Amino acid sequence: MQIDLRTVSIQPLRNTFDHLVRRFGDKPASRYQEGSYDIQAAENLHYRPTWDPEQALYDTRITRIVMQDWYALKDPRQFYYSTYTLARARQQDSMEANFSFVETRGLAELLPAELRQTALDLLVPLRHAAWGANQHNTFICGYGYATVFTQPCIYHAMDNLGTAQYLSRLGLLLGGTEALDAGKAAWLDGEAWQPLRRFVEDCLTLRDPFELFVAQSVVLDGLLYPLVYERIVDDYLSSRGGSAVAMLTQFMTDWFDETRKWVDAVLKVAAAESEHNREQLQAWTGAWTDRAAAALLPVVGLVFGSHADDVVGEQVAALKARIEKTGIAL
C-alpha cells in the first residue's frame, strides 16, 4: 500500500477579533493585544457607586489627566498574565536560590553585628511601605481606565506584596521574630520613620488614580529603590562585608530596573497628549518629589548620618533628569 503525504494550507476564516481588527487591521494579533486591548468595561454598567452617584463605575473623569485614547498607555514589556507570571517565576527561583545559599553557608552568621543591625533597622520597617504600595497600586487598578494601564498596576501591586514578604524573610533570617516586632514598632513610633509613614498613609486618601501613580510609582519608588537598594545595600553594606544582604534583596534591584521602563513610558505618552496633561504631571511630580525627599531623608540618615542630605540630593537630581526625558520639565 502506498501513502501519499501532502501539505494542505488552511486559510483561517478570520485572523482575530473584530475589536482588534478595528484597531490594528485585519491581521493576526499578539497574545498581549488579545489580552489587553479594548476589553475595558464601558457600557451596560447597571449601577453607580453609592458613595459617589455622580461617578460611573469606570469613569475617566475621576482623574485630571485627559486621554483621547487611554489604550495609548501600553506596556513596553507587553506583560499579560502568562508572560508576567513566567518572568516572576524565574525571579522567584533565583531568590529562593539566594536565600538557600545564604542559609546553608551560614553567611548570615558571618555578618558583623553592627552591619546586621543596620540592615535590620533599615530594611524590616520598609515591608510596611511595600504593603502601602500594594494598596496604592490596587486602587489604581480598580479606578484607572484601560486594561493596558490598569493591568500592569495590579502586577505592580503583587510585586510590592512580594517585596514585603522578602523583607519579612530577611528579618526572620537575620533577627528572628523579634526583628519583625522591632520593625513594626519603628514604623509606628520611630521618629525617623514618621515622615515616610505619613507619606504612605496620605497616599491612601488620594482619589485621583493618576496622581497616585505619580506619587507612588514615579516619585516614591523612583527615590526609595535607588537610595535603599543601590546606594545603601549594594554600595555601602556590600563594601563593608554585607554582600549577603545584597543577595537577599536582589529582586528589588532587578524589579526596579525593569518596571521603571513601563513607568517612564506611561509618563511620556500622557505628557505628549496635551499641554494640559504636561502641566498637571509637572505640578504633581514637583510637589510629590519634595515630599518624598523630605520623608526619606531621616531614613537615609539612619545609615549616612550627616551626609544624608547630599545622598538624597544627588538622587533627587537623578530622578528629575529621568523625568525630564519623558517631556516633563521640572
C-alpha atoms as a PDB file:
ATOM      1  CA  MET A   1       0.000   0.000   0.000  1.00  0.00           C
ATOM      2  CA  GLN A   2       1.300   3.450  -0.918  1.00  0.00           C
ATOM      3  CA  ILE A   3       0.599   6.512   1.193  1.00  0.00           C
ATOM      4  CA  ASP A   4       0.982   9.968  -0.307  1.00  0.00           C
ATOM      5  CA  LEU A   5       1.584  12.773   2.158  1.00  0.00           C
ATOM      6  CA  ARG A   6       0.544  16.244   1.115  1.00  0.00           C
ATOM      7  CA  THR A   7       0.756  19.622   2.807  1.00  0.00           C
ATOM      8  CA  VAL A   8      -2.565  21.383   2.908  1.00  0.00           C
ATOM      9  CA  SER A   9      -2.712  25.090   3.672  1.00  0.00           C
ATOM     10  CA  ILE A  10      -5.863  26.027   5.573  1.00  0.00           C
ATOM     11  CA  GLN A  11      -6.843  29.641   5.334  1.00  0.00           C
ATOM     12  CA  PRO A  12      -8.496  30.837   8.581  1.00  0.00           C
ATOM     13  CA  LEU A  13     -11.911  32.413   8.199  1.00  0.00           C
ATOM     14  CA  ARG A  14     -10.841  35.312  10.426  1.00  0.00           C
ATOM     15  CA  ASN A  15      -7.468  36.474  11.700  1.00  0.00           C
ATOM     16  CA  THR A  16      -8.505  37.922  15.032  1.00  0.00           C
ATOM     17  CA  PHE A  17     -11.355  39.515  16.986  1.00  0.00           C
ATOM     18  CA  ASP A  18     -13.357  42.331  15.417  1.00  0.00           C
ATOM     19  CA  HIS A  19     -12.324  44.925  18.013  1.00  0.00           C
ATOM     20  CA  LEU A  20      -8.664  44.210  17.285  1.00  0.00           C
ATOM     21  CA  VAL A  21      -9.291  44.404  13.546  1.00  0.00           C
ATOM     22  CA  ARG A  22     -10.747  47.874  14.045  1.00  0.00           C
ATOM     23  CA  ARG A  23      -7.659  48.956  15.992  1.00  0.00           C
ATOM     24  CA  PHE A  24      -4.771  47.138  14.285  1.00  0.00           C
ATOM     25  CA  GLY A  25      -6.147  45.959  10.943  1.00  0.00           C
ATOM     26  CA  ASP A  26      -7.163  42.525   9.697  1.00  0.00           C
ATOM     27  CA  LYS A  27      -4.086  40.556  10.705  1.00  0.00           C
ATOM     28  CA  PRO A  28      -3.182  38.037  13.415  1.00  0.00           C
ATOM     29  CA  ALA A  29      -2.903  39.682  16.833  1.00  0.00           C
ATOM     30  CA  SER A  30      -0.331  39.001  19.521  1.00  0.00           C
ATOM     31  CA  ARG A  31      -1.338  37.430  22.824  1.00  0.00           C
ATOM     32  CA  TYR A  32      -0.615  40.754  24.530  1.00  0.00           C
ATOM     33  CA  GLN A  33      -3.038  42.543  22.199  1.00  0.00           C
ATOM     34  CA  GLU A  34      -5.730  39.907  22.709  1.00  0.00           C
ATOM     35  CA  GLY A  35      -5.403  40.085  26.495  1.00  0.00           C
ATOM     36  CA  SER A  36      -5.086  43.847  26.843  1.00  0.00           C
ATOM     37  CA  TYR A  37      -6.813  45.996  24.211  1.00  0.00           C
ATOM     38  CA  ASP A  38     -10.402  47.270  24.187  1.00  0.00           C
ATOM     39  CA  ILE A  39     -11.656  44.973  26.926  1.00  0.00           C
ATOM     40  CA  GLN A  40     -12.357  47.713  29.479  1.00  0.00           C
ATOM     41  CA  ALA A  41     -15.981  47.551  30.631  1.00  0.00           C
ATOM     42  CA  ALA A  42     -17.566  50.745  29.317  1.00  0.00           C
ATOM     43  CA  GLU A  43     -21.231  50.032  28.652  1.00  0.00           C
ATOM     44  CA  ASN A  44     -24.203  48.446  30.412  1.00  0.00           C
ATOM     45  CA  LEU A  45     -22.875  49.293  33.861  1.00  0.00           C
ATOM     46  CA  HIS A  46     -26.008  48.610  35.868  1.00  0.00           C
ATOM     47  CA  TYR A  47     -25.431  50.844  38.860  1.00  0.00           C
ATOM     48  CA  ARG A  48     -23.459  53.848  40.014  1.00  0.00           C
ATOM     49  CA  PRO A  49     -21.314  53.763  43.152  1.00  0.00           C
ATOM     50  CA  THR A  50     -23.456  54.549  46.178  1.00  0.00           C
ATOM     51  CA  TRP A  51     -20.600  56.578  47.683  1.00  0.00           C
ATOM     52  CA  ASP A  52     -20.472  58.834  44.600  1.00  0.00           C
ATOM     53  CA  PRO A  53     -23.630  58.701  42.454  1.00  0.00           C
ATOM     54  CA  GLU A  54     -22.209  61.277  40.032  1.00  0.00           C
ATOM     55  CA  GLN A  55     -19.440  58.868  39.056  1.00  0.00           C
ATOM     56  CA  ALA A  56     -19.790  55.920  36.691  1.00  0.00           C
ATOM     57  CA  LEU A  57     -18.416  52.587  37.838  1.00  0.00           C
ATOM     58  CA  TYR A  58     -15.462  53.008  35.446  1.00  0.00           C
ATOM     59  CA  ASP A  59     -15.077  56.703  34.823  1.00  0.00           C
ATOM     60  CA  THR A  60     -12.294  58.603  33.049  1.00  0.00           C
ATOM     61  CA  ARG A  61     -13.432  61.809  34.764  1.00  0.00           C
ATOM     62  CA  ILE A  62     -12.105  60.684  38.131  1.00  0.00           C
ATOM     63  CA  THR A  63      -8.624  61.828  37.082  1.00  0.00           C
ATOM     64  CA  ARG A  64      -7.430  65.219  35.862  1.00  0.00           C
ATOM     65  CA  ILE A  65      -5.415  63.541  33.114  1.00  0.00           C
ATOM     66  CA  VAL A  66      -7.294  63.529  29.812  1.00  0.00           C
ATOM     67  CA  MET A  67      -6.511  60.994  27.083  1.00  0.00           C
ATOM     68  CA  GLN A  68      -8.176  60.738  23.699  1.00  0.00           C
ATOM     69  CA  ASP A  69      -7.300  57.036  23.723  1.00  0.00           C
ATOM     70  CA  TRP A  70      -6.394  55.527  27.094  1.00  0.00           C
ATOM     71  CA  TYR A  71      -5.082  52.455  25.292  1.00  0.00           C
ATOM     72  CA  ALA A  72      -2.125  54.554  24.156  1.00  0.00           C
ATOM     73  CA  LEU A  73      -0.611  53.869  27.609  1.00  0.00           C
ATOM     74  CA  LYS A  74       0.708  50.481  26.580  1.00  0.00           C
ATOM     75  CA  ASP A  75       3.269  48.465  28.498  1.00  0.00           C
ATOM     76  CA  PRO A  76       6.592  48.274  26.593  1.00  0.00           C
ATOM     77  CA  ARG A  77       7.246  44.944  28.349  1.00  0.00           C
ATOM     78  CA  GLN A  78       3.985  43.649  26.834  1.00  0.00           C
ATOM     79  CA  PHE A  79       3.139  41.838  30.049  1.00  0.00           C
ATOM     80  CA  TYR A  80      -0.096  39.922  30.169  1.00  0.00           C
ATOM     81  CA  TYR A  81      -0.860  37.225  32.740  1.00  0.00           C
ATOM     82  CA  SER A  82       1.216  34.453  31.162  1.00  0.00           C
ATOM     83  CA  THR A  83       4.366  36.447  30.388  1.00  0.00           C
ATOM     84  CA  TYR A  84       4.189  38.242  33.742  1.00  0.00           C
ATOM     85  CA  THR A  85       3.897  35.070  35.809  1.00  0.00           C
ATOM     86  CA  LEU A  86       6.661  33.349  33.835  1.00  0.00           C
ATOM     87  CA  ALA A  87       9.007  36.299  34.386  1.00  0.00           C
ATOM     88  CA  ARG A  88       8.292  36.460  38.106  1.00  0.00           C
ATOM     89  CA  ALA A  89       8.578  32.678  38.479  1.00  0.00           C
ATOM     90  CA  ARG A  90      12.127  32.830  37.116  1.00  0.00           C
ATOM     91  CA  GLN A  91      12.957  35.633  39.537  1.00  0.00           C
ATOM     92  CA  GLN A  92      11.434  33.712  42.428  1.00  0.00           C
ATOM     93  CA  ASP A  93      13.572  30.682  41.580  1.00  0.00           C
ATOM     94  CA  SER A  94      16.622  32.939  41.661  1.00  0.00           C
ATOM     95  CA  MET A  95      15.632  34.444  45.009  1.00  0.00           C
ATOM     96  CA  GLU A  96      14.953  31.023  46.527  1.00  0.00           C
ATOM     97  CA  ALA A  97      18.448  30.001  45.447  1.00  0.00           C
ATOM     98  CA  ASN A  98      19.880  33.161  47.034  1.00  0.00           C
ATOM     99  CA  PHE A  99      18.119  32.568  50.357  1.00  0.00           C
ATOM    100  CA  SER A 100      19.191  28.925  50.326  1.00  0.00           C
ATOM    101  CA  PHE A 101      22.802  29.894  49.578  1.00  0.00           C
ATOM    102  CA  VAL A 102      22.914  32.410  52.441  1.00  0.00           C
ATOM    103  CA  GLU A 103      21.291  29.985  54.904  1.00  0.00           C
ATOM    104  CA  THR A 104      23.202  26.800  54.049  1.00  0.00           C
ATOM    105  CA  ARG A 105      26.599  28.501  54.076  1.00  0.00           C
ATOM    106  CA  GLY A 106      25.960  30.442  57.261  1.00  0.00           C
ATOM    107  CA  LEU A 107      26.537  33.822  55.608  1.00  0.00           C
ATOM    108  CA  ALA A 108      24.023  35.492  57.911  1.00  0.00           C
ATOM    109  CA  GLU A 109      26.034  34.453  60.953  1.00  0.00           C
ATOM    110  CA  LEU A 110      29.201  35.838  59.362  1.00  0.00           C
ATOM    111  CA  LEU A 111      27.765  39.350  59.130  1.00  0.00           C
ATOM    112  CA  PRO A 112      29.335  41.771  61.620  1.00  0.00           C
ATOM    113  CA  ALA A 113      26.871  42.522  64.410  1.00  0.00           C
ATOM    114  CA  GLU A 114      26.794  46.251  63.649  1.00  0.00           C
ATOM    115  CA  LEU A 115      26.171  45.629  59.945  1.00  0.00           C
ATOM    116  CA  ARG A 116      23.437  43.102  60.684  1.00  0.00           C
ATOM    117  CA  GLN A 117      21.671  45.582  62.958  1.00  0.00           C
ATOM    118  CA  THR A 118      21.947  48.336  60.350  1.00  0.00           C
ATOM    119  CA  ALA A 119      20.313  46.058  57.764  1.00  0.00           C
ATOM    120  CA  LEU A 120      17.505  45.149  60.151  1.00  0.00           C
ATOM    121  CA  ASP A 121      16.875  48.730  61.252  1.00  0.00           C
ATOM    122  CA  LEU A 122      16.720  49.928  57.660  1.00  0.00           C
ATOM    123  CA  LEU A 123      15.008  47.127  55.735  1.00  0.00           C
ATOM    124  CA  VAL A 124      12.452  45.481  58.011  1.00  0.00           C
ATOM    125  CA  PRO A 125      10.278  48.609  58.518  1.00  0.00           C
ATOM    126  CA  LEU A 126      10.184  49.039  54.734  1.00  0.00           C
ATOM    127  CA  ARG A 127       7.938  45.991  54.440  1.00  0.00           C
ATOM    128  CA  HIS A 128       5.149  48.266  55.699  1.00  0.00           C
ATOM    129  CA  ALA A 129       5.938  50.810  52.981  1.00  0.00           C
ATOM    130  CA  ALA A 130       5.810  47.976  50.431  1.00  0.00           C
ATOM    131  CA  TRP A 131       2.390  46.958  51.746  1.00  0.00           C
ATOM    132  CA  GLY A 132       1.249  50.565  51.295  1.00  0.00           C
ATOM    133  CA  ALA A 133       2.491  50.441  47.697  1.00  0.00           C
ATOM    134  CA  ASN A 134       0.459  47.263  47.238  1.00  0.00           C
ATOM    135  CA  GLN A 135      -2.686  49.087  48.375  1.00  0.00           C
ATOM    136  CA  HIS A 136      -1.962  52.119  46.199  1.00  0.00           C
ATOM    137  CA  ASN A 137      -1.476  50.111  43.021  1.00  0.00           C
ATOM    138  CA  THR A 138      -4.576  48.055  43.762  1.00  0.00           C
ATOM    139  CA  PHE A 139      -6.546  51.305  43.964  1.00  0.00           C
ATOM    140  CA  ILE A 140      -5.113  52.496  40.636  1.00  0.00           C
ATOM    141  CA  CYS A 141      -6.147  49.204  39.046  1.00  0.00           C
ATOM    142  CA  GLY A 142      -9.650  49.499  40.469  1.00  0.00           C
ATOM    143  CA  TYR A 143     -10.283  53.122  39.479  1.00  0.00           C
ATOM    144  CA  GLY A 144      -7.984  53.628  36.498  1.00  0.00           C
ATOM    145  CA  TYR A 145      -9.109  53.165  32.930  1.00  0.00           C
ATOM    146  CA  ALA A 146      -7.973  50.910  30.046  1.00  0.00           C
ATOM    147  CA  THR A 147      -6.548  47.474  30.644  1.00  0.00           C
ATOM    148  CA  VAL A 148      -3.135  48.351  29.196  1.00  0.00           C
ATOM    149  CA  PHE A 149      -2.731  50.767  32.125  1.00  0.00           C
ATOM    150  CA  THR A 150      -4.592  49.026  34.954  1.00  0.00           C
ATOM    151  CA  GLN A 151      -3.230  45.543  34.223  1.00  0.00           C
ATOM    152  CA  PRO A 152       0.419  46.454  34.965  1.00  0.00           C
ATOM    153  CA  CYS A 153      -0.757  48.250  38.112  1.00  0.00           C
ATOM    154  CA  ILE A 154      -2.166  45.068  39.649  1.00  0.00           C
ATOM    155  CA  TYR A 155       1.065  43.294  38.703  1.00  0.00           C
ATOM    156  CA  HIS A 156       2.885  46.170  40.411  1.00  0.00           C
ATOM    157  CA  ALA A 157       0.692  45.632  43.482  1.00  0.00           C
ATOM    158  CA  MET A 158       1.536  41.948  43.680  1.00  0.00           C
ATOM    159  CA  ASP A 159       5.235  42.696  43.176  1.00  0.00           C
ATOM    160  CA  ASN A 160       5.159  45.008  46.181  1.00  0.00           C
ATOM    161  CA  LEU A 161       3.485  42.294  48.221  1.00  0.00           C
ATOM    162  CA  GLY A 162       6.339  40.005  47.178  1.00  0.00           C
ATOM    163  CA  THR A 163       8.850  42.666  48.244  1.00  0.00           C
ATOM    164  CA  ALA A 164       7.190  42.877  51.669  1.00  0.00           C
ATOM    165  CA  GLN A 165       7.419  39.099  52.005  1.00  0.00           C
ATOM    166  CA  TYR A 166      11.097  39.033  51.040  1.00  0.00           C
ATOM    167  CA  LEU A 167      11.821  41.738  53.613  1.00  0.00           C
ATOM    168  CA  SER A 168       9.950  39.705  56.217  1.00  0.00           C
ATOM    169  CA  ARG A 169      12.036  36.630  55.372  1.00  0.00           C
ATOM    170  CA  LEU A 170      15.195  38.722  55.589  1.00  0.00           C
ATOM    171  CA  GLY A 171      14.147  39.925  59.038  1.00  0.00           C
ATOM    172  CA  LEU A 172      13.422  36.385  60.218  1.00  0.00           C
ATOM    173  CA  LEU A 173      16.740  35.132  58.859  1.00  0.00           C
ATOM    174  CA  LEU A 174      18.869  37.888  60.370  1.00  0.00           C
ATOM    175  CA  GLY A 175      16.958  38.607  63.574  1.00  0.00           C
ATOM    176  CA  GLY A 176      14.094  36.183  64.160  1.00  0.00           C
ATOM    177  CA  THR A 177      10.542  37.185  65.048  1.00  0.00           C
ATOM    178  CA  GLU A 178      11.895  39.880  67.353  1.00  0.00           C
ATOM    179  CA  ALA A 179      13.198  41.725  64.296  1.00  0.00           C
ATOM    180  CA  LEU A 180       9.699  41.843  62.788  1.00  0.00           C
ATOM    181  CA  ASP A 181       8.264  43.209  66.034  1.00  0.00           C
ATOM    182  CA  ALA A 182      11.008  45.817  66.227  1.00  0.00           C
ATOM    183  CA  GLY A 183      10.423  46.806  62.597  1.00  0.00           C
ATOM    184  CA  LYS A 184       6.711  47.287  63.237  1.00  0.00           C
ATOM    185  CA  ALA A 185       7.416  49.344  66.353  1.00  0.00           C
ATOM    186  CA  ALA A 186       9.859  51.519  64.394  1.00  0.00           C
ATOM    187  CA  TRP A 187       7.286  52.069  61.630  1.00  0.00           C
ATOM    188  CA  LEU A 188       4.609  53.047  64.129  1.00  0.00           C
ATOM    189  CA  ASP A 189       6.645  55.067  66.614  1.00  0.00           C
ATOM    190  CA  GLY A 190      10.204  55.557  65.395  1.00  0.00           C
ATOM    191  CA  GLU A 191      10.956  59.227  64.806  1.00  0.00           C
ATOM    192  CA  ALA A 192      12.921  58.609  61.607  1.00  0.00           C
ATOM    193  CA  TRP A 193      10.044  56.685  60.007  1.00  0.00           C
ATOM    194  CA  GLN A 194       7.114  59.001  60.706  1.00  0.00           C
ATOM    195  CA  PRO A 195       7.548  61.287  57.640  1.00  0.00           C
ATOM    196  CA  LEU A 196       7.618  58.248  55.307  1.00  0.00           C
ATOM    197  CA  ARG A 197       4.700  56.651  57.144  1.00  0.00           C
ATOM    198  CA  ARG A 198       2.712  59.877  56.746  1.00  0.00           C
ATOM    199  CA  PHE A 199       3.574  59.986  53.032  1.00  0.00           C
ATOM    200  CA  VAL A 200       2.298  56.420  52.563  1.00  0.00           C
ATOM    201  CA  GLU A 201      -0.869  56.985  54.592  1.00  0.00           C
ATOM    202  CA  ASP A 202      -1.656  60.305  52.891  1.00  0.00           C
ATOM    203  CA  CYS A 203      -1.456  58.495  49.557  1.00  0.00           C
ATOM    204  CA  LEU A 204      -4.177  56.150  50.805  1.00  0.00           C
ATOM    205  CA  THR A 205      -6.568  59.127  50.759  1.00  0.00           C
ATOM    206  CA  LEU A 206      -5.898  60.176  47.140  1.00  0.00           C
ATOM    207  CA  ARG A 207      -8.875  59.758  44.827  1.00  0.00           C
ATOM    208  CA  ASP A 208      -7.203  60.544  41.507  1.00  0.00           C
ATOM    209  CA  PRO A 209      -5.637  57.267  40.293  1.00  0.00           C
ATOM    210  CA  PHE A 210      -3.135  59.004  38.021  1.00  0.00           C
ATOM    211  CA  GLU A 211      -1.931  61.323  40.765  1.00  0.00           C
ATOM    212  CA  LEU A 212      -1.482  58.254  42.953  1.00  0.00           C
ATOM    213  CA  PHE A 213       0.503  56.637  40.126  1.00  0.00           C
ATOM    214  CA  VAL A 214       2.786  59.682  40.097  1.00  0.00           C
ATOM    215  CA  ALA A 215       3.149  59.820  43.881  1.00  0.00           C
ATOM    216  CA  GLN A 216       3.884  56.122  44.344  1.00  0.00           C
ATOM    217  CA  SER A 217       5.250  54.565  41.169  1.00  0.00           C
ATOM    218  CA  VAL A 218       7.048  57.586  39.743  1.00  0.00           C
ATOM    219  CA  VAL A 219       8.277  59.522  42.755  1.00  0.00           C
ATOM    220  CA  LEU A 220       8.451  57.347  45.869  1.00  0.00           C
ATOM    221  CA  ASP A 221       9.666  54.241  44.039  1.00  0.00           C
ATOM    222  CA  GLY A 222      11.966  56.436  41.956  1.00  0.00           C
ATOM    223  CA  LEU A 223      13.729  57.679  45.091  1.00  0.00           C
ATOM    224  CA  LEU A 224      13.366  54.820  47.579  1.00  0.00           C
ATOM    225  CA  TYR A 225      14.679  51.941  45.471  1.00  0.00           C
ATOM    226  CA  PRO A 226      17.886  53.636  44.248  1.00  0.00           C
ATOM    227  CA  LEU A 227      18.599  55.119  47.686  1.00  0.00           C
ATOM    228  CA  VAL A 228      17.975  51.977  49.723  1.00  0.00           C
ATOM    229  CA  TYR A 229      18.820  49.058  47.450  1.00  0.00           C
ATOM    230  CA  GLU A 230      21.522  50.650  45.287  1.00  0.00           C
ATOM    231  CA  ARG A 231      23.241  53.321  47.395  1.00  0.00           C
ATOM    232  CA  ILE A 232      22.894  51.665  50.804  1.00  0.00           C
ATOM    233  CA  VAL A 233      22.635  47.895  50.230  1.00  0.00           C
ATOM    234  CA  ASP A 234      24.662  47.373  47.049  1.00  0.00           C
ATOM    235  CA  ASP A 235      27.262  50.083  47.699  1.00  0.00           C
ATOM    236  CA  TYR A 236      27.534  50.823  51.418  1.00  0.00           C
ATOM    237  CA  LEU A 237      26.717  47.474  53.051  1.00  0.00           C
ATOM    238  CA  SER A 238      28.361  45.281  50.406  1.00  0.00           C
ATOM    239  CA  SER A 239      31.627  47.201  50.604  1.00  0.00           C
ATOM    240  CA  ARG A 240      31.715  46.515  54.341  1.00  0.00           C
ATOM    241  CA  GLY A 241      31.091  42.778  54.165  1.00  0.00           C
ATOM    242  CA  GLY A 242      27.314  42.780  53.696  1.00  0.00           C
ATOM    243  CA  SER A 243      27.135  41.016  50.318  1.00  0.00           C
ATOM    244  CA  ALA A 244      24.697  38.535  51.838  1.00  0.00           C
ATOM    245  CA  VAL A 245      22.179  41.364  52.315  1.00  0.00           C
ATOM    246  CA  ALA A 246      22.563  42.317  48.651  1.00  0.00           C
ATOM    247  CA  MET A 247      21.796  38.720  47.667  1.00  0.00           C
ATOM    248  CA  LEU A 248      18.648  38.733  49.816  1.00  0.00           C
ATOM    249  CA  THR A 249      17.418  41.940  48.142  1.00  0.00           C
ATOM    250  CA  GLN A 250      18.378  41.177  44.549  1.00  0.00           C
ATOM    251  CA  PHE A 251      14.723  41.013  43.477  1.00  0.00           C
ATOM    252  CA  MET A 252      14.144  44.637  44.489  1.00  0.00           C
ATOM    253  CA  THR A 253      17.095  45.897  42.442  1.00  0.00           C
ATOM    254  CA  ASP A 254      16.159  43.884  39.350  1.00  0.00           C
ATOM    255  CA  TRP A 255      12.478  44.763  39.701  1.00  0.00           C
ATOM    256  CA  PHE A 256      13.105  48.499  39.785  1.00  0.00           C
ATOM    257  CA  ASP A 257      15.324  48.373  36.707  1.00  0.00           C
ATOM    258  CA  GLU A 258      12.552  46.581  34.827  1.00  0.00           C
ATOM    259  CA  THR A 259       9.475  48.444  35.986  1.00  0.00           C
ATOM    260  CA  ARG A 260      10.792  51.981  35.560  1.00  0.00           C
ATOM    261  CA  LYS A 261      10.773  51.383  31.780  1.00  0.00           C
ATOM    262  CA  TRP A 262       6.994  50.944  31.978  1.00  0.00           C
ATOM    263  CA  VAL A 263       6.581  53.915  34.354  1.00  0.00           C
ATOM    264  CA  ASP A 264       8.597  56.200  32.075  1.00  0.00           C
ATOM    265  CA  ALA A 265       6.659  55.052  29.003  1.00  0.00           C
ATOM    266  CA  VAL A 266       3.329  55.913  30.659  1.00  0.00           C
ATOM    267  CA  LEU A 267       4.583  59.362  31.681  1.00  0.00           C
ATOM    268  CA  LYS A 268       5.961  60.073  28.210  1.00  0.00           C
ATOM    269  CA  VAL A 269       2.751  59.197  26.383  1.00  0.00           C
ATOM    270  CA  ALA A 270       0.494  61.024  28.859  1.00  0.00           C
ATOM    271  CA  ALA A 271       2.645  64.167  28.772  1.00  0.00           C
ATOM    272  CA  ALA A 272       2.778  64.186  24.976  1.00  0.00           C
ATOM    273  CA  GLU A 273      -1.021  64.013  24.737  1.00  0.00           C
ATOM    274  CA  SER A 274      -1.622  67.680  25.590  1.00  0.00           C
ATOM    275  CA  GLU A 275      -0.218  70.758  27.290  1.00  0.00           C
ATOM    276  CA  HIS A 276      -2.861  70.321  29.996  1.00  0.00           C
ATOM    277  CA  ASN A 277      -1.529  66.855  30.836  1.00  0.00           C
ATOM    278  CA  ARG A 278       2.059  68.033  30.801  1.00  0.00           C
ATOM    279  CA  GLU A 279       1.364  70.897  33.203  1.00  0.00           C
ATOM    280  CA  GLN A 280      -0.643  68.685  35.541  1.00  0.00           C
ATOM    281  CA  LEU A 281       2.044  65.997  35.601  1.00  0.00           C
ATOM    282  CA  GLN A 282       4.671  68.663  36.200  1.00  0.00           C
ATOM    283  CA  ALA A 283       2.755  70.036  39.181  1.00  0.00           C
ATOM    284  CA  TRP A 284       2.155  66.601  40.703  1.00  0.00           C
ATOM    285  CA  THR A 285       5.700  65.408  40.157  1.00  0.00           C
ATOM    286  CA  GLY A 286       7.273  68.525  41.645  1.00  0.00           C
ATOM    287  CA  ALA A 287       5.063  68.524  44.738  1.00  0.00           C
ATOM    288  CA  TRP A 288       5.380  64.813  45.482  1.00  0.00           C
ATOM    289  CA  THR A 289       9.132  64.793  44.842  1.00  0.00           C
ATOM    290  CA  ASP A 290       9.645  67.439  47.511  1.00  0.00           C
ATOM    291  CA  ARG A 291       7.530  65.455  49.965  1.00  0.00           C
ATOM    292  CA  ALA A 292       9.205  62.124  49.193  1.00  0.00           C
ATOM    293  CA  ALA A 293      12.700  63.581  49.528  1.00  0.00           C
ATOM    294  CA  ALA A 294      11.827  65.064  52.924  1.00  0.00           C
ATOM    295  CA  ALA A 295      10.252  61.761  54.018  1.00  0.00           C
ATOM    296  CA  LEU A 296      13.249  59.655  53.008  1.00  0.00           C
ATOM    297  CA  LEU A 297      15.901  61.980  54.426  1.00  0.00           C
ATOM    298  CA  PRO A 298      15.694  60.737  58.055  1.00  0.00           C
ATOM    299  CA  VAL A 299      15.557  57.117  56.828  1.00  0.00           C
ATOM    300  CA  VAL A 300      18.741  57.560  54.812  1.00  0.00           C
ATOM    301  CA  GLY A 301      20.175  59.377  57.821  1.00  0.00           C
ATOM    302  CA  LEU A 302      19.993  56.100  59.780  1.00  0.00           C
ATOM    303  CA  VAL A 303      22.948  54.946  57.675  1.00  0.00           C
ATOM    304  CA  PHE A 304      24.663  58.038  56.285  1.00  0.00           C
ATOM    305  CA  GLY A 305      24.119  60.409  59.203  1.00  0.00           C
ATOM    306  CA  SER A 306      25.062  63.986  58.364  1.00  0.00           C
ATOM    307  CA  HIS A 307      25.830  63.022  54.745  1.00  0.00           C
ATOM    308  CA  ALA A 308      22.215  62.033  54.091  1.00  0.00           C
ATOM    309  CA  ASP A 309      21.399  65.474  52.663  1.00  0.00           C
ATOM    310  CA  ASP A 310      23.979  65.083  49.917  1.00  0.00           C
ATOM    311  CA  VAL A 311      22.970  61.495  49.125  1.00  0.00           C
ATOM    312  CA  VAL A 312      19.260  62.323  48.859  1.00  0.00           C
ATOM    313  CA  GLY A 313      20.006  65.485  46.876  1.00  0.00           C
ATOM    314  CA  GLU A 314      22.004  63.502  44.315  1.00  0.00           C
ATOM    315  CA  GLN A 315      19.170  61.017  43.871  1.00  0.00           C
ATOM    316  CA  VAL A 316      16.554  63.769  43.558  1.00  0.00           C
ATOM    317  CA  ALA A 317      18.659  65.320  40.780  1.00  0.00           C
ATOM    318  CA  ALA A 318      18.895  61.918  39.064  1.00  0.00           C
ATOM    319  CA  LEU A 319      15.131  61.420  39.321  1.00  0.00           C
ATOM    320  CA  LYS A 320      14.423  64.863  37.877  1.00  0.00           C
ATOM    321  CA  ALA A 321      16.802  64.188  34.983  1.00  0.00           C
ATOM    322  CA  ARG A 322      14.999  60.901  34.329  1.00  0.00           C
ATOM    323  CA  ILE A 323      11.562  62.546  34.410  1.00  0.00           C
ATOM    324  CA  GLU A 324      12.641  65.362  32.094  1.00  0.00           C
ATOM    325  CA  LYS A 325      13.478  62.739  29.449  1.00  0.00           C
ATOM    326  CA  THR A 326       9.746  61.944  29.329  1.00  0.00           C
ATOM    327  CA  GLY A 327       8.966  65.535  28.292  1.00  0.00           C
ATOM    328  CA  ILE A 328       8.031  66.878  31.734  1.00  0.00           C
ATOM    329  CA  ALA A 329      10.189  69.880  32.650  1.00  0.00           C
ATOM    330  CA  LEU A 330      10.826  70.300  36.376  1.00  0.00           C
END
